[in-house]
Amino acid sequence: MGSKSIRKSFVNEFVLGFGFLSGLWIYVGINPEAEVMKVLQIIIQQISPNPYYSFLFWLIPTLSTLLAIAGAYVFGGGLGVIAVALAFLGGIFINLNLGIILLILGILLGFIAPWINDSYI
């Protein structure tokens, strides 16, 4: 995979997909992942009421978030994590000019971060 496509993938998947959309869902007031997990938890509890399953449904979103942050760090380094954080804040404050500025900064840093942190190539 070329350097340009890696940068584009990093911005699409981590900065926009993980950072911005997570912040946007917070701004809207719902979390689709949490809603799906609630429905699955209700179904699983009806099939097999086991208290360990509720712990599992708490653990899955936590692990997925930690893995996404780790992935952002692997591909973008510290600057990549900052880019994701800026996009996240841009999603939360999307109704303000500040949110759009933070999103643009996150995208720009997202393109730069994999180029600076090329240790994964």
PDB file of N, CA and C in Angstrom:
ATOM      1  N   MET A   1       0.847  -1.164   0.000  1.00  0.00           N
ATOM      2  CA  MET A   1       0.000   0.000   0.000  1.00  0.00           C
ATOM      3  C   MET A   1       0.896   1.232   0.000  1.00  0.00           C
ATOM      4  N   GLY A   2       0.595   2.178  -0.881  1.00  0.00           N
ATOM      5  CA  GLY A   2       1.405   3.375  -0.981  1.00  0.00           C
ATOM      6  C   GLY A   2       1.184   4.320   0.181  1.00  0.00           C
ATOM      7  N   SER A   3       2.129   5.232   0.330  1.00  0.00           N
ATOM      8  CA  SER A   3       2.076   6.191   1.427  1.00  0.00           C
ATOM      9  C   SER A   3       0.830   7.065   1.332  1.00  0.00           C
ATOM     10  N   LYS A   4       0.456   7.458   0.105  1.00  0.00           N
ATOM     11  CA  LYS A   4      -0.713   8.308  -0.078  1.00  0.00           C
ATOM     12  C   LYS A   4      -1.997   7.580   0.313  1.00  0.00           C
ATOM     13  N   SER A   5      -2.106   6.313  -0.053  1.00  0.00           N
ATOM     14  CA  SER A   5      -3.321   5.574   0.290  1.00  0.00           C
ATOM     15  C   SER A   5      -3.382   5.264   1.789  1.00  0.00           C
ATOM     16  N   ILE A   6      -2.226   5.102   2.419  1.00  0.00           N
ATOM     17  CA  ILE A   6      -2.208   4.887   3.862  1.00  0.00           C
ATOM     18  C   ILE A   6      -2.691   6.144   4.577  1.00  0.00           C
ATOM     19  N   ARG A   7      -2.231   7.293   4.131  1.00  0.00           N
ATOM     20  CA  ARG A   7      -2.682   8.551   4.742  1.00  0.00           C
ATOM     21  C   ARG A   7      -4.181   8.739   4.544  1.00  0.00           C
ATOM     22  N   LYS A   8      -4.662   8.451   3.337  1.00  0.00           N
ATOM     23  CA  LYS A   8      -6.087   8.591   3.054  1.00  0.00           C
ATOM     24  C   LYS A   8      -6.902   7.617   3.903  1.00  0.00           C
ATOM     25  N   SER A   9      -6.445   6.386   4.033  1.00  0.00           N
ATOM     26  CA  SER A   9      -7.136   5.389   4.853  1.00  0.00           C
ATOM     27  C   SER A   9      -7.144   5.800   6.315  1.00  0.00           C
ATOM     28  N   PHE A  10      -6.023   6.343   6.810  1.00  0.00           N
ATOM     29  CA  PHE A  10      -5.949   6.775   8.203  1.00  0.00           C
ATOM     30  C   PHE A  10      -6.979   7.866   8.467  1.00  0.00           C
ATOM     31  N   VAL A  11      -7.064   8.831   7.561  1.00  0.00           N
ATOM     32  CA  VAL A  11      -8.027   9.921   7.750  1.00  0.00           C
ATOM     33  C   VAL A  11      -9.455   9.385   7.676  1.00  0.00           C
ATOM     34  N   ASN A  12      -9.732   8.529   6.695  1.00  0.00           N
ATOM     35  CA  ASN A  12     -11.098   8.011   6.544  1.00  0.00           C
ATOM     36  C   ASN A  12     -11.521   7.134   7.716  1.00  0.00           C
ATOM     37  N   GLU A  13     -10.664   6.218   8.125  1.00  0.00           N
ATOM     38  CA  GLU A  13     -11.058   5.237   9.127  1.00  0.00           C
ATOM     39  C   GLU A  13     -10.914   5.742  10.560  1.00  0.00           C
ATOM     40  N   PHE A  14      -9.811   6.373  10.859  1.00  0.00           N
ATOM     41  CA  PHE A  14      -9.573   6.775  12.245  1.00  0.00           C
ATOM     42  C   PHE A  14     -10.063   8.188  12.538  1.00  0.00           C
ATOM     43  N   VAL A  15      -9.631   9.145  11.732  1.00  0.00           N
ATOM     44  CA  VAL A  15      -9.969  10.538  12.032  1.00  0.00           C
ATOM     45  C   VAL A  15     -11.463  10.787  11.831  1.00  0.00           C
ATOM     46  N   LEU A  16     -11.972  10.437  10.646  1.00  0.00           N
ATOM     47  CA  LEU A  16     -13.383  10.684  10.384  1.00  0.00           C
ATOM     48  C   LEU A  16     -14.277   9.593  10.977  1.00  0.00           C
ATOM     49  N   GLY A  17     -13.918   8.341  10.756  1.00  0.00           N
ATOM     50  CA  GLY A  17     -14.758   7.237  11.201  1.00  0.00           C
ATOM     51  C   GLY A  17     -14.815   7.077  12.692  1.00  0.00           C
ATOM     52  N   PHE A  18     -13.678   7.073  13.332  1.00  0.00           N
ATOM     53  CA  PHE A  18     -13.642   6.872  14.782  1.00  0.00           C
ATOM     54  C   PHE A  18     -13.778   8.192  15.538  1.00  0.00           C
ATOM     55  N   GLY A  19     -12.994   9.184  15.180  1.00  0.00           N
ATOM     56  CA  GLY A  19     -12.990  10.444  15.926  1.00  0.00           C
ATOM     57  C   GLY A  19     -14.230  11.289  15.698  1.00  0.00           C
ATOM     58  N   PHE A  20     -14.419  11.728  14.459  1.00  0.00           N
ATOM     59  CA  PHE A  20     -15.502  12.659  14.164  1.00  0.00           C
ATOM     60  C   PHE A  20     -16.877  12.047  14.404  1.00  0.00           C
ATOM     61  N   LEU A  21     -17.104  10.835  13.902  1.00  0.00           N
ATOM     62  CA  LEU A  21     -18.433  10.236  14.076  1.00  0.00           C
ATOM     63  C   LEU A  21     -18.753   9.952  15.535  1.00  0.00           C
ATOM     64  N   SER A  22     -17.768   9.571  16.329  1.00  0.00           N
ATOM     65  CA  SER A  22     -18.013   9.361  17.760  1.00  0.00           C
ATOM     66  C   SER A  22     -18.428  10.669  18.423  1.00  0.00           C
ATOM     67  N   GLY A  23     -17.745  11.739  18.094  1.00  0.00           N
ATOM     68  CA  GLY A  23     -18.109  13.044  18.643  1.00  0.00           C
ATOM     69  C   GLY A  23     -19.465  13.515  18.144  1.00  0.00           C
ATOM     70  N   LEU A  24     -19.762  13.243  16.883  1.00  0.00           N
ATOM     71  CA  LEU A  24     -21.045  13.639  16.316  1.00  0.00           C
ATOM     72  C   LEU A  24     -22.199  12.903  16.995  1.00  0.00           C
ATOM     73  N   TRP A  25     -21.998  11.621  17.290  1.00  0.00           N
ATOM     74  CA  TRP A  25     -23.048  10.868  17.995  1.00  0.00           C
ATOM     75  C   TRP A  25     -23.264  11.413  19.397  1.00  0.00           C
ATOM     76  N   ILE A  26     -22.214  11.862  20.035  1.00  0.00           N
ATOM     77  CA  ILE A  26     -22.372  12.481  21.358  1.00  0.00           C
ATOM     78  C   ILE A  26     -23.159  13.783  21.219  1.00  0.00           C
ATOM     79  N   TYR A  27     -22.852  14.556  20.178  1.00  0.00           N
ATOM     80  CA  TYR A  27     -23.580  15.802  19.942  1.00  0.00           C
ATOM     81  C   TYR A  27     -25.067  15.537  19.705  1.00  0.00           C
ATOM     82  N   VAL A  28     -25.372  14.507  18.923  1.00  0.00           N
ATOM     83  CA  VAL A  28     -26.757  14.173  18.621  1.00  0.00           C
ATOM     84  C   VAL A  28     -27.468  13.631  19.864  1.00  0.00           C
ATOM     85  N   GLY A  29     -26.748  12.927  20.696  1.00  0.00           N
ATOM     86  CA  GLY A  29     -27.319  12.436  21.943  1.00  0.00           C
ATOM     87  C   GLY A  29     -27.592  10.952  21.977  1.00  0.00           C
ATOM     88  N   ILE A  30     -27.197  10.243  20.937  1.00  0.00           N
ATOM     89  CA  ILE A  30     -27.344   8.788  20.946  1.00  0.00           C
ATOM     90  C   ILE A  30     -26.037   8.152  20.509  1.00  0.00           C
ATOM     91  N   ASN A  31     -25.891   6.904  20.878  1.00  0.00           N
ATOM     92  CA  ASN A  31     -24.729   6.141  20.454  1.00  0.00           C
ATOM     93  C   ASN A  31     -25.250   4.855  19.814  1.00  0.00           C
ATOM     94  N   PRO A  32     -25.154   4.726  18.496  1.00  0.00           N
ATOM     95  CA  PRO A  32     -25.714   3.548  17.845  1.00  0.00           C
ATOM     96  C   PRO A  32     -25.111   2.242  18.351  1.00  0.00           C
ATOM     97  N   GLU A  33     -23.825   2.247  18.666  1.00  0.00           N
ATOM     98  CA  GLU A  33     -23.182   1.040  19.187  1.00  0.00           C
ATOM     99  C   GLU A  33     -23.800   0.644  20.523  1.00  0.00           C
ATOM    100  N   ALA A  34     -24.040   1.616  21.381  1.00  0.00           N
ATOM    101  CA  ALA A  34     -24.636   1.326  22.683  1.00  0.00           C
ATOM    102  C   ALA A  34     -26.065   0.815  22.535  1.00  0.00           C
ATOM    103  N   GLU A  35     -26.800   1.378  21.590  1.00  0.00           N
ATOM    104  CA  GLU A  35     -28.179   0.927  21.372  1.00  0.00           C
ATOM    105  C   GLU A  35     -28.219  -0.512  20.867  1.00  0.00           C
ATOM    106  N   VAL A  36     -27.333  -0.851  19.944  1.00  0.00           N
ATOM    107  CA  VAL A  36     -27.268  -2.229  19.438  1.00  0.00           C
ATOM    108  C   VAL A  36     -26.863  -3.175  20.559  1.00  0.00           C
ATOM    109  N   MET A  37     -25.896  -2.760  21.379  1.00  0.00           N
ATOM    110  CA  MET A  37     -25.455  -3.608  22.490  1.00  0.00           C
ATOM    111  C   MET A  37     -26.578  -3.816  23.511  1.00  0.00           C
ATOM    112  N   LYS A  38     -27.406  -2.797  23.744  1.00  0.00           N
ATOM    113  CA  LYS A  38     -28.533  -2.947  24.669  1.00  0.00           C
ATOM    114  C   LYS A  38     -29.516  -3.996  24.156  1.00  0.00           C
ATOM    115  N   VAL A  39     -29.830  -3.912  22.869  1.00  0.00           N
ATOM    116  CA  VAL A  39     -30.763  -4.874  22.284  1.00  0.00           C
ATOM    117  C   VAL A  39     -30.193  -6.283  22.360  1.00  0.00           C
ATOM    118  N   LEU A  40     -28.922  -6.440  22.012  1.00  0.00           N
ATOM    119  CA  LEU A  40     -28.291  -7.753  22.087  1.00  0.00           C
ATOM    120  C   LEU A  40     -28.258  -8.272  23.525  1.00  0.00           C
ATOM    121  N   GLN A  41     -28.006  -7.384  24.468  1.00  0.00           N
ATOM    122  CA  GLN A  41     -27.971  -7.789  25.873  1.00  0.00           C
ATOM    123  C   GLN A  41     -29.338  -8.281  26.330  1.00  0.00           C
ATOM    124  N   ILE A  42     -30.393  -7.609  25.927  1.00  0.00           N
ATOM    125  CA  ILE A  42     -31.741  -8.040  26.287  1.00  0.00           C
ATOM    126  C   ILE A  42     -32.036  -9.418  25.698  1.00  0.00           C
ATOM    127  N   ILE A  43     -31.656  -9.615  24.439  1.00  0.00           N
ATOM    128  CA  ILE A  43     -31.898 -10.904  23.791  1.00  0.00           C
ATOM    129  C   ILE A  43     -31.113 -12.012  24.480  1.00  0.00           C
ATOM    130  N   ILE A  44     -29.843 -11.771  24.765  1.00  0.00           N
ATOM    131  CA  ILE A  44     -29.003 -12.788  25.408  1.00  0.00           C
ATOM    132  C   ILE A  44     -29.529 -13.110  26.811  1.00  0.00           C
ATOM    133  N   GLN A  45     -29.961 -12.099  27.558  1.00  0.00           N
ATOM    134  CA  GLN A  45     -30.473 -12.343  28.908  1.00  0.00           C
ATOM    135  C   GLN A  45     -31.771 -13.150  28.882  1.00  0.00           C
ATOM    136  N   GLN A  46     -32.572 -12.982  27.841  1.00  0.00           N
ATOM    137  CA  GLN A  46     -33.788 -13.765  27.728  1.00  0.00           C
ATOM    138  C   GLN A  46     -33.476 -15.213  27.380  1.00  0.00           C
ATOM    139  N   ILE A  47     -32.449 -15.429  26.577  1.00  0.00           N
ATOM    140  CA  ILE A  47     -32.073 -16.785  26.188  1.00  0.00           C
ATOM    141  C   ILE A  47     -31.355 -17.494  27.322  1.00  0.00           C
ATOM    142  N   SER A  48     -30.379 -16.808  27.912  1.00  0.00           N
ATOM    143  CA  SER A  48     -29.578 -17.425  28.972  1.00  0.00           C
ATOM    144  C   SER A  48     -29.228 -16.365  30.012  1.00  0.00           C
ATOM    145  N   PRO A  49     -30.001 -16.248  31.085  1.00  0.00           N
ATOM    146  CA  PRO A  49     -29.715 -15.223  32.110  1.00  0.00           C
ATOM    147  C   PRO A  49     -28.475 -15.577  32.926  1.00  0.00           C
ATOM    148  N   ASN A  50     -27.380 -14.974  32.576  1.00  0.00           N
ATOM    149  CA  ASN A  50     -26.110 -15.224  33.251  1.00  0.00           C
ATOM    150  C   ASN A  50     -25.478 -13.864  33.554  1.00  0.00           C
ATOM    151  N   PRO A  51     -25.103 -13.586  34.798  1.00  0.00           N
ATOM    152  CA  PRO A  51     -24.546 -12.261  35.124  1.00  0.00           C
ATOM    153  C   PRO A  51     -23.216 -11.973  34.427  1.00  0.00           C
ATOM    154  N   TYR A  52     -22.513 -12.997  33.972  1.00  0.00           N
ATOM    155  CA  TYR A  52     -21.237 -12.766  33.290  1.00  0.00           C
ATOM    156  C   TYR A  52     -21.440 -12.124  31.919  1.00  0.00           C
ATOM    157  N   TYR A  53     -22.605 -12.334  31.328  1.00  0.00           N
ATOM    158  CA  TYR A  53     -22.868 -11.730  30.020  1.00  0.00           C
ATOM    159  C   TYR A  53     -22.969 -10.217  30.115  1.00  0.00           C
ATOM    160  N   SER A  54     -23.506  -9.674  31.205  1.00  0.00           N
ATOM    161  CA  SER A  54     -23.579  -8.220  31.343  1.00  0.00           C
ATOM    162  C   SER A  54     -22.178  -7.616  31.426  1.00  0.00           C
ATOM    163  N   PHE A  55     -21.261  -8.332  32.074  1.00  0.00           N
ATOM    164  CA  PHE A  55     -19.873  -7.874  32.109  1.00  0.00           C
ATOM    165  C   PHE A  55     -19.273  -7.889  30.710  1.00  0.00           C
ATOM    166  N   LEU A  56     -19.603  -8.906  29.933  1.00  0.00           N
ATOM    167  CA  LEU A  56     -19.110  -9.018  28.565  1.00  0.00           C
ATOM    168  C   LEU A  56     -19.606  -7.855  27.711  1.00  0.00           C
ATOM    169  N   PHE A  57     -20.863  -7.465  27.903  1.00  0.00           N
ATOM    170  CA  PHE A  57     -21.408  -6.357  27.124  1.00  0.00           C
ATOM    171  C   PHE A  57     -20.853  -5.011  27.568  1.00  0.00           C
ATOM    172  N   TRP A  58     -20.284  -4.939  28.733  1.00  0.00           N
ATOM    173  CA  TRP A  58     -19.568  -3.735  29.150  1.00  0.00           C
ATOM    174  C   TRP A  58     -18.150  -3.764  28.596  1.00  0.00           C
ATOM    175  N   LEU A  59     -17.575  -4.954  28.517  1.00  0.00           N
ATOM    176  CA  LEU A  59     -16.191  -5.106  28.105  1.00  0.00           C
ATOM    177  C   LEU A  59     -15.986  -4.899  26.598  1.00  0.00           C
ATOM    178  N   ILE A  60     -16.907  -5.347  25.776  1.00  0.00           N
ATOM    179  CA  ILE A  60     -16.752  -5.271  24.316  1.00  0.00           C
ATOM    180  C   ILE A  60     -16.578  -3.830  23.825  1.00  0.00           C
ATOM    181  N   PRO A  61     -17.462  -2.871  24.176  1.00  0.00           N
ATOM    182  CA  PRO A  61     -17.246  -1.498  23.696  1.00  0.00           C
ATOM    183  C   PRO A  61     -15.969  -0.872  24.238  1.00  0.00           C
ATOM    184  N   THR A  62     -15.618  -1.210  25.464  1.00  0.00           N
ATOM    185  CA  THR A  62     -14.391  -0.672  26.044  1.00  0.00           C
ATOM    186  C   THR A  62     -13.173  -1.171  25.283  1.00  0.00           C
ATOM    187  N   LEU A  63     -13.140  -2.458  25.001  1.00  0.00           N
ATOM    188  CA  LEU A  63     -12.019  -3.021  24.236  1.00  0.00           C
ATOM    189  C   LEU A  63     -11.963  -2.462  22.816  1.00  0.00           C
ATOM    190  N   SER A  64     -13.112  -2.305  22.176  1.00  0.00           N
ATOM    191  CA  SER A  64     -13.100  -1.781  20.810  1.00  0.00           C
ATOM    192  C   SER A  64     -12.589  -0.342  20.773  1.00  0.00           C
ATOM    193  N   THR A  65     -12.934   0.451  21.781  1.00  0.00           N
ATOM    194  CA  THR A  65     -12.420   1.821  21.849  1.00  0.00           C
ATOM    195  C   THR A  65     -10.909   1.826  22.082  1.00  0.00           C
ATOM    196  N   LEU A  66     -10.449   0.997  23.002  1.00  0.00           N
ATOM    197  CA  LEU A  66      -9.005   0.920  23.265  1.00  0.00           C
ATOM    198  C   LEU A  66      -8.235   0.428  22.043  1.00  0.00           C
ATOM    199  N   LEU A  67      -8.792  -0.532  21.319  1.00  0.00           N
ATOM    200  CA  LEU A  67      -8.129  -1.029  20.104  1.00  0.00           C
ATOM    201  C   LEU A  67      -8.093   0.040  19.020  1.00  0.00           C
ATOM    202  N   ALA A  68      -9.148   0.831  18.913  1.00  0.00           N
ATOM    203  CA  ALA A  68      -9.160   1.909  17.921  1.00  0.00           C
ATOM    204  C   ALA A  68      -8.120   2.972  18.260  1.00  0.00           C
ATOM    205  N   ILE A  69      -7.987   3.306  19.539  1.00  0.00           N
ATOM    206  CA  ILE A  69      -6.970   4.280  19.949  1.00  0.00           C
ATOM    207  C   ILE A  69      -5.573   3.714  19.698  1.00  0.00           C
ATOM    208  N   ALA A  70      -5.382   2.435  20.005  1.00  0.00           N
ATOM    209  CA  ALA A  70      -4.085   1.794  19.750  1.00  0.00           C
ATOM    210  C   ALA A  70      -3.785   1.770  18.261  1.00  0.00           C
ATOM    211  N   GLY A  71      -4.788   1.494  17.441  1.00  0.00           N
ATOM    212  CA  GLY A  71      -4.587   1.504  15.988  1.00  0.00           C
ATOM    213  C   GLY A  71      -4.218   2.885  15.472  1.00  0.00           C
ATOM    214  N   ALA A  72      -4.865   3.903  16.016  1.00  0.00           N
ATOM    215  CA  ALA A  72      -4.520   5.276  15.625  1.00  0.00           C
ATOM    216  C   ALA A  72      -3.085   5.586  16.009  1.00  0.00           C
ATOM    217  N   TYR A  73      -2.650   5.077  17.156  1.00  0.00           N
ATOM    218  CA  TYR A  73      -1.275   5.314  17.585  1.00  0.00           C
ATOM    219  C   TYR A  73      -0.277   4.555  16.712  1.00  0.00           C
ATOM    220  N   VAL A  74      -0.607   3.327  16.343  1.00  0.00           N
ATOM    221  CA  VAL A  74       0.303   2.527  15.509  1.00  0.00           C
ATOM    222  C   VAL A  74       0.503   3.185  14.157  1.00  0.00           C
ATOM    223  N   PHE A  75      -0.579   3.638  13.537  1.00  0.00           N
ATOM    224  CA  PHE A  75      -0.463   4.213  12.190  1.00  0.00           C
ATOM    225  C   PHE A  75      -0.076   5.682  12.190  1.00  0.00           C
ATOM    226  N   GLY A  76      -0.472   6.436  13.214  1.00  0.00           N
ATOM    227  CA  GLY A  76      -0.222   7.867  13.189  1.00  0.00           C
ATOM    228  C   GLY A  76       0.657   8.389  14.300  1.00  0.00           C
ATOM    229  N   GLY A  77       1.018   7.531  15.246  1.00  0.00           N
ATOM    230  CA  GLY A  77       1.828   7.985  16.375  1.00  0.00           C
ATOM    231  C   GLY A  77       1.040   8.941  17.249  1.00  0.00           C
ATOM    232  N   GLY A  78       1.748   9.696  18.051  1.00  0.00           N
ATOM    233  CA  GLY A  78       1.108  10.664  18.943  1.00  0.00           C
ATOM    234  C   GLY A  78       0.337  11.721  18.183  1.00  0.00           C
ATOM    235  N   LEU A  79       0.873  12.146  17.041  1.00  0.00           N
ATOM    236  CA  LEU A  79       0.194  13.142  16.219  1.00  0.00           C
ATOM    237  C   LEU A  79      -1.117  12.588  15.666  1.00  0.00           C
ATOM    238  N   GLY A  80      -1.136  11.302  15.362  1.00  0.00           N
ATOM    239  CA  GLY A  80      -2.358  10.662  14.884  1.00  0.00           C
ATOM    240  C   GLY A  80      -3.436  10.628  15.956  1.00  0.00           C
ATOM    241  N   VAL A  81      -3.044  10.353  17.181  1.00  0.00           N
ATOM    242  CA  VAL A  81      -4.011  10.351  18.286  1.00  0.00           C
ATOM    243  C   VAL A  81      -4.537  11.765  18.512  1.00  0.00           C
ATOM    244  N   ILE A  82      -3.688  12.755  18.383  1.00  0.00           N
ATOM    245  CA  ILE A  82      -4.130  14.150  18.510  1.00  0.00           C
ATOM    246  C   ILE A  82      -5.103  14.489  17.388  1.00  0.00           C
ATOM    247  N   ALA A  83      -4.837  14.002  16.176  1.00  0.00           N
ATOM    248  CA  ALA A  83      -5.740  14.246  15.043  1.00  0.00           C
ATOM    249  C   ALA A  83      -7.115  13.639  15.309  1.00  0.00           C
ATOM    250  N   VAL A  84      -7.134  12.431  15.833  1.00  0.00           N
ATOM    251  CA  VAL A  84      -8.406  11.774  16.159  1.00  0.00           C
ATOM    252  C   VAL A  84      -9.130  12.551  17.266  1.00  0.00           C
ATOM    253  N   ALA A  85      -8.390  13.002  18.270  1.00  0.00           N
ATOM    254  CA  ALA A  85      -8.994  13.767  19.365  1.00  0.00           C
ATOM    255  C   ALA A  85      -9.570  15.094  18.863  1.00  0.00           C
ATOM    256  N   LEU A  86      -8.862  15.758  17.960  1.00  0.00           N
ATOM    257  CA  LEU A  86      -9.381  17.013  17.401  1.00  0.00           C
ATOM    258  C   LEU A  86     -10.650  16.773  16.592  1.00  0.00           C
ATOM    259  N   ALA A  87     -10.669  15.699  15.810  1.00  0.00           N
ATOM    260  CA  ALA A  87     -11.868  15.374  15.043  1.00  0.00           C
ATOM    261  C   ALA A  87     -13.027  15.012  15.977  1.00  0.00           C
ATOM    262  N   PHE A  88     -12.725  14.311  17.062  1.00  0.00           N
ATOM    263  CA  PHE A  88     -13.736  13.964  18.059  1.00  0.00           C
ATOM    264  C   PHE A  88     -14.348  15.238  18.647  1.00  0.00           C
ATOM    265  N   LEU A  89     -13.505  16.169  19.042  1.00  0.00           N
ATOM    266  CA  LEU A  89     -13.999  17.441  19.576  1.00  0.00           C
ATOM    267  C   LEU A  89     -14.735  18.233  18.504  1.00  0.00           C
ATOM    268  N   GLY A  90     -14.282  18.127  17.262  1.00  0.00           N
ATOM    269  CA  GLY A  90     -14.994  18.773  16.160  1.00  0.00           C
ATOM    270  C   GLY A  90     -16.398  18.226  16.002  1.00  0.00           C
ATOM    271  N   GLY A  91     -16.572  16.932  16.211  1.00  0.00           N
ATOM    272  CA  GLY A  91     -17.907  16.344  16.144  1.00  0.00           C
ATOM    273  C   GLY A  91     -18.790  16.795  17.285  1.00  0.00           C
ATOM    274  N   ILE A  92     -18.219  16.897  18.471  1.00  0.00           N
ATOM    275  CA  ILE A  92     -19.002  17.342  19.631  1.00  0.00           C
ATOM    276  C   ILE A  92     -19.457  18.791  19.463  1.00  0.00           C
ATOM    277  N   PHE A  93     -18.569  19.639  18.937  1.00  0.00           N
ATOM    278  CA  PHE A  93     -18.873  21.066  18.795  1.00  0.00           C
ATOM    279  C   PHE A  93     -19.189  21.445  17.348  1.00  0.00           C
ATOM    280  N   ILE A  94     -19.826  20.536  16.603  1.00  0.00           N
ATOM    281  CA  ILE A  94     -20.075  20.757  15.181  1.00  0.00           C
ATOM    282  C   ILE A  94     -20.996  21.950  14.931  1.00  0.00           C
ATOM    283  N   ASN A  95     -21.813  22.319  15.896  1.00  0.00           N
ATOM    284  CA  ASN A  95     -22.721  23.447  15.712  1.00  0.00           C
ATOM    285  C   ASN A  95     -22.023  24.797  15.846  1.00  0.00           C
ATOM    286  N   LEU A  96     -20.780  24.792  16.291  1.00  0.00           N
ATOM    287  CA  LEU A  96     -20.003  26.031  16.435  1.00  0.00           C
ATOM    288  C   LEU A  96     -18.929  26.110  15.358  1.00  0.00           C
ATOM    289  N   ASN A  97     -18.460  27.305  15.098  1.00  0.00           N
ATOM    290  CA  ASN A  97     -17.336  27.459  14.170  1.00  0.00           C
ATOM    291  C   ASN A  97     -16.101  26.731  14.679  1.00  0.00           C
ATOM    292  N   LEU A  98     -15.946  26.673  15.986  1.00  0.00           N
ATOM    293  CA  LEU A  98     -14.823  25.978  16.598  1.00  0.00           C
ATOM    294  C   LEU A  98     -14.801  24.505  16.191  1.00  0.00           C
ATOM    295  N   GLY A  99     -15.967  23.887  16.140  1.00  0.00           N
ATOM    296  CA  GLY A  99     -16.048  22.478  15.764  1.00  0.00           C
ATOM    297  C   GLY A  99     -15.554  22.223  14.356  1.00  0.00           C
ATOM    298  N   ILE A 100     -15.906  23.090  13.445  1.00  0.00           N
ATOM    299  CA  ILE A 100     -15.468  22.934  12.056  1.00  0.00           C
ATOM    300  C   ILE A 100     -13.963  23.166  11.957  1.00  0.00           C
ATOM    301  N   ILE A 101     -13.462  24.132  12.688  1.00  0.00           N
ATOM    302  CA  ILE A 101     -12.021  24.391  12.690  1.00  0.00           C
ATOM    303  C   ILE A 101     -11.267  23.194  13.262  1.00  0.00           C
ATOM    304  N   LEU A 102     -11.767  22.631  14.368  1.00  0.00           N
ATOM    305  CA  LEU A 102     -11.120  21.462  14.964  1.00  0.00           C
ATOM    306  C   LEU A 102     -11.158  20.268  14.018  1.00  0.00           C
ATOM    307  N   LEU A 103     -12.267  20.080  13.313  1.00  0.00           N
ATOM    308  CA  LEU A 103     -12.372  18.988  12.356  1.00  0.00           C
ATOM    309  C   LEU A 103     -11.366  19.154  11.220  1.00  0.00           C
ATOM    310  N   ILE A 104     -11.261  20.352  10.696  1.00  0.00           N
ATOM    311  CA  ILE A 104     -10.299  20.608   9.613  1.00  0.00           C
ATOM    312  C   ILE A 104      -8.873  20.385  10.104  1.00  0.00           C
ATOM    313  N   LEU A 105      -8.560  20.860  11.301  1.00  0.00           N
ATOM    314  CA  LEU A 105      -7.223  20.626  11.866  1.00  0.00           C
ATOM    315  C   LEU A 105      -6.957  19.136  12.057  1.00  0.00           C
ATOM    316  N   GLY A 106      -7.973  18.412  12.530  1.00  0.00           N
ATOM    317  CA  GLY A 106      -7.821  16.969  12.698  1.00  0.00           C
ATOM    318  C   GLY A 106      -7.562  16.261  11.381  1.00  0.00           C
ATOM    319  N   ILE A 107      -8.265  16.657  10.341  1.00  0.00           N
ATOM    320  CA  ILE A 107      -8.058  16.046   9.022  1.00  0.00           C
ATOM    321  C   ILE A 107      -6.663  16.363   8.496  1.00  0.00           C
ATOM    322  N   LEU A 108      -6.249  17.611   8.619  1.00  0.00           N
ATOM    323  CA  LEU A 108      -4.907  17.985   8.153  1.00  0.00           C
ATOM    324  C   LEU A 108      -3.821  17.237   8.915  1.00  0.00           C
ATOM    325  N   LEU A 109      -3.953  17.172  10.241  1.00  0.00           N
ATOM    326  CA  LEU A 109      -2.984  16.409  11.026  1.00  0.00           C
ATOM    327  C   LEU A 109      -3.055  14.921  10.695  1.00  0.00           C
ATOM    328  N   GLY A 110      -4.260  14.449  10.375  1.00  0.00           N
ATOM    329  CA  GLY A 110      -4.429  13.050  10.001  1.00  0.00           C
ATOM    330  C   GLY A 110      -3.688  12.687   8.722  1.00  0.00           C
ATOM    331  N   PHE A 111      -3.606  13.618   7.786  1.00  0.00           N
ATOM    332  CA  PHE A 111      -2.827  13.376   6.567  1.00  0.00           C
ATOM    333  C   PHE A 111      -1.328  13.432   6.833  1.00  0.00           C
ATOM    334  N   ILE A 112      -0.927  14.262   7.782  1.00  0.00           N
ATOM    335  CA  ILE A 112       0.496  14.428   8.076  1.00  0.00           C
ATOM    336  C   ILE A 112       1.031  13.309   8.966  1.00  0.00           C
ATOM    337  N   ALA A 113       0.220  12.858   9.941  1.00  0.00           N
ATOM    338  CA  ALA A 113       0.684  11.913  10.966  1.00  0.00           C
ATOM    339  C   ALA A 113       1.265  10.613  10.406  1.00  0.00           C
ATOM    340  N   PRO A 114       0.606   9.900   9.479  1.00  0.00           N
ATOM    341  CA  PRO A 114       1.217   8.664   8.972  1.00  0.00           C
ATOM    342  C   PRO A 114       2.492   8.913   8.176  1.00  0.00           C
ATOM    343  N   TRP A 115       2.600  10.084   7.573  1.00  0.00           N
ATOM    344  CA  TRP A 115       3.805  10.425   6.801  1.00  0.00           C
ATOM    345  C   TRP A 115       4.981  10.629   7.733  1.00  0.00           C
ATOM    346  N   ILE A 116       4.730  11.241   8.891  1.00  0.00           N
ATOM    347  CA  ILE A 116       5.798  11.454   9.875  1.00  0.00           C
ATOM    348  C   ILE A 116       6.129  10.145  10.580  1.00  0.00           C
ATOM    349  N   ASN A 117       5.092   9.383  10.934  1.00  0.00           N
ATOM    350  CA  ASN A 117       5.272   8.118  11.660  1.00  0.00           C
ATOM    351  C   ASN A 117       5.226   6.964  10.650  1.00  0.00           C
ATOM    352  N   ASP A 118       6.307   6.758   9.938  1.00  0.00           N
ATOM    353  CA  ASP A 118       6.313   5.714   8.897  1.00  0.00           C
ATOM    354  C   ASP A 118       6.959   4.425   9.388  1.00  0.00           C
ATOM    355  N   SER A 119       6.920   4.175  10.680  1.00  0.00           N
ATOM    356  CA  SER A 119       7.540   2.978  11.233  1.00  0.00           C
ATOM    357  C   SER A 119       6.793   1.699  10.898  1.00  0.00           C
ATOM    358  N   TYR A 120       5.526   1.793  10.501  1.00  0.00           N
ATOM    359  CA  TYR A 120       4.734   0.611  10.185  1.00  0.00           C
ATOM    360  C   TYR A 120       4.999   0.087   8.790  1.00  0.00           C
ATOM    361  N   ILE A 121       5.663   0.870   7.934  1.00  0.00           N
ATOM    362  CA  ILE A 121       5.936   0.454   6.545  1.00  0.00           C
ATOM    363  C   ILE A 121       7.078  -0.523   6.493  1.00  0.00           C
TER     364      ILE A 121
END
